[in-house]
Amino acid sequence: MDIKKEQNGTTLTMALSGRLDTVAAVDFEKELNASLDGVESLIFDCAELTYVASSGLRSFLMVQKRMNKQGKMVMRHVQDAVMEVLTMTGFDDLLQIEK
């Protein structure tokens, strides 16, 4: 998985591409923990995210809980295959997803 970050004030946009599997989730969580201090708006651009494993779902849930305390989190441009996983697991009700 590849992560491209762009910060504008207290807004952080992370463009995710590739597969968020068990191995990638470890690095993803490290990147999140190192990047979220002072962030009030976190945007995930998922246009090129092709797969999310259960460990990736856990990562999104973890960051959603943190962002609930310090601001908001949005997932944008979610591909159909990833959206299907989010819907089947009920994560579409837990996460803010914009088409």
Protein backbone atom coordinates (compact mmCIF):
# COMPACT_ATOMS: atom_id res chain seq x y z
CA MET A 1 0.00 0.00 0.00
CA ASP A 2 1.13 3.53 -0.74
CA ILE A 3 0.16 6.62 1.28
CA LYS A 4 0.47 10.18 0.02
CA LYS A 5 -0.12 12.90 2.60
CA GLU A 6 -1.05 16.53 2.13
CA GLN A 7 -1.61 18.82 5.10
CA ASN A 8 -3.33 22.18 4.91
CA GLY A 9 -3.58 23.74 8.38
CA THR A 10 -5.50 21.32 10.58
CA THR A 11 -6.77 19.28 7.60
CA LEU A 12 -4.83 16.18 6.60
CA THR A 13 -5.62 14.35 3.38
CA MET A 14 -4.21 10.85 2.95
CA ALA A 15 -4.47 9.30 -0.52
CA LEU A 16 -4.38 5.52 -0.14
CA SER A 17 -3.54 3.17 -3.01
CA GLY A 18 -3.12 -0.57 -3.29
CA ARG A 19 -4.10 -3.15 -0.71
CA LEU A 20 -4.69 -2.49 2.99
CA ASP A 21 -3.96 -6.03 4.15
CA THR A 22 -2.53 -7.42 7.39
CA VAL A 23 1.05 -6.42 6.60
CA ALA A 24 0.16 -2.94 5.32
CA ALA A 25 -2.14 -2.25 8.31
CA VAL A 26 0.86 -2.22 10.67
CA ASP A 27 2.62 0.50 8.66
CA PHE A 28 -0.69 2.34 8.13
CA GLU A 29 -1.29 2.55 11.90
CA LYS A 30 2.28 3.77 12.50
CA GLU A 31 1.80 6.47 9.88
CA LEU A 32 -1.51 7.50 11.42
CA ASN A 33 -0.10 7.69 14.94
CA ALA A 34 2.77 9.86 13.72
CA SER A 35 0.52 12.19 11.70
CA LEU A 36 -2.63 12.99 13.69
CA ASP A 37 -1.45 15.43 16.38
CA GLY A 38 -3.26 18.72 15.80
CA VAL A 39 -5.39 17.32 12.97
CA GLU A 40 -9.05 18.31 13.18
CA SER A 41 -10.16 17.04 9.78
CA LEU A 42 -8.85 13.77 8.35
CA ILE A 43 -9.76 12.88 4.78
CA PHE A 44 -8.97 9.52 3.24
CA ASP A 45 -8.97 9.58 -0.56
CA CYS A 46 -9.67 5.94 -1.38
CA ALA A 47 -9.92 6.27 -5.17
CA GLU A 48 -6.99 3.88 -5.64
CA LEU A 49 -7.51 1.66 -2.58
CA THR A 50 -8.40 -1.72 -4.09
CA TYR A 51 -8.70 -4.02 -1.06
CA VAL A 52 -9.27 -3.83 2.70
CA ALA A 53 -8.70 -6.79 5.03
CA SER A 54 -10.13 -7.11 8.52
CA SER A 55 -6.94 -5.63 9.98
CA GLY A 56 -7.46 -2.59 7.75
CA LEU A 57 -11.02 -2.26 8.99
CA ARG A 58 -9.70 -2.31 12.55
CA SER A 59 -7.27 0.47 11.64
CA PHE A 60 -10.08 2.62 10.26
CA LEU A 61 -12.15 2.00 13.39
CA MET A 62 -9.21 2.91 15.62
CA VAL A 63 -8.59 6.19 13.81
CA GLN A 64 -12.33 6.98 13.74
CA LYS A 65 -12.46 6.69 17.54
CA ARG A 66 -9.48 9.03 17.86
CA MET A 67 -10.88 11.54 15.38
CA ASN A 68 -14.23 11.55 17.20
CA LYS A 69 -12.32 13.17 20.09
CA GLN A 70 -10.34 15.71 18.07
CA GLY A 71 -12.38 16.41 14.94
CA LYS A 72 -13.86 14.49 12.03
CA MET A 73 -12.88 11.79 9.56
CA VAL A 74 -14.21 11.26 6.05
CA MET A 75 -13.58 8.57 3.45
CA ARG A 76 -13.95 9.72 -0.16
CA HIS A 77 -13.99 8.05 -3.58
CA VAL A 78 -14.39 4.54 -2.17
CA GLN A 79 -14.19 1.89 -4.91
CA ASP A 80 -17.05 -0.59 -5.28
CA ALA A 81 -15.01 -3.59 -4.02
CA VAL A 82 -13.98 -1.75 -0.86
CA MET A 83 -17.50 -0.35 -0.38
CA GLU A 84 -18.89 -3.87 -0.57
CA VAL A 85 -16.62 -4.91 2.34
CA LEU A 86 -17.61 -1.83 4.34
CA THR A 87 -21.30 -2.55 3.74
CA MET A 88 -21.11 -6.28 4.50
CA THR A 89 -19.33 -5.61 7.80
CA GLY A 90 -21.55 -2.71 8.85
CA PHE A 91 -18.64 -0.26 8.74
CA ASP A 92 -20.62 1.91 6.33
CA ASP A 93 -22.76 2.84 9.36
CA LEU A 94 -19.73 3.58 11.56
CA LEU A 95 -17.65 5.64 9.12
CA GLN A 96 -18.53 8.81 7.23
CA ILE A 97 -18.29 7.91 3.55
CA GLU A 98 -18.69 10.42 0.72
CA LYS A 99 -19.08 9.25 -2.86
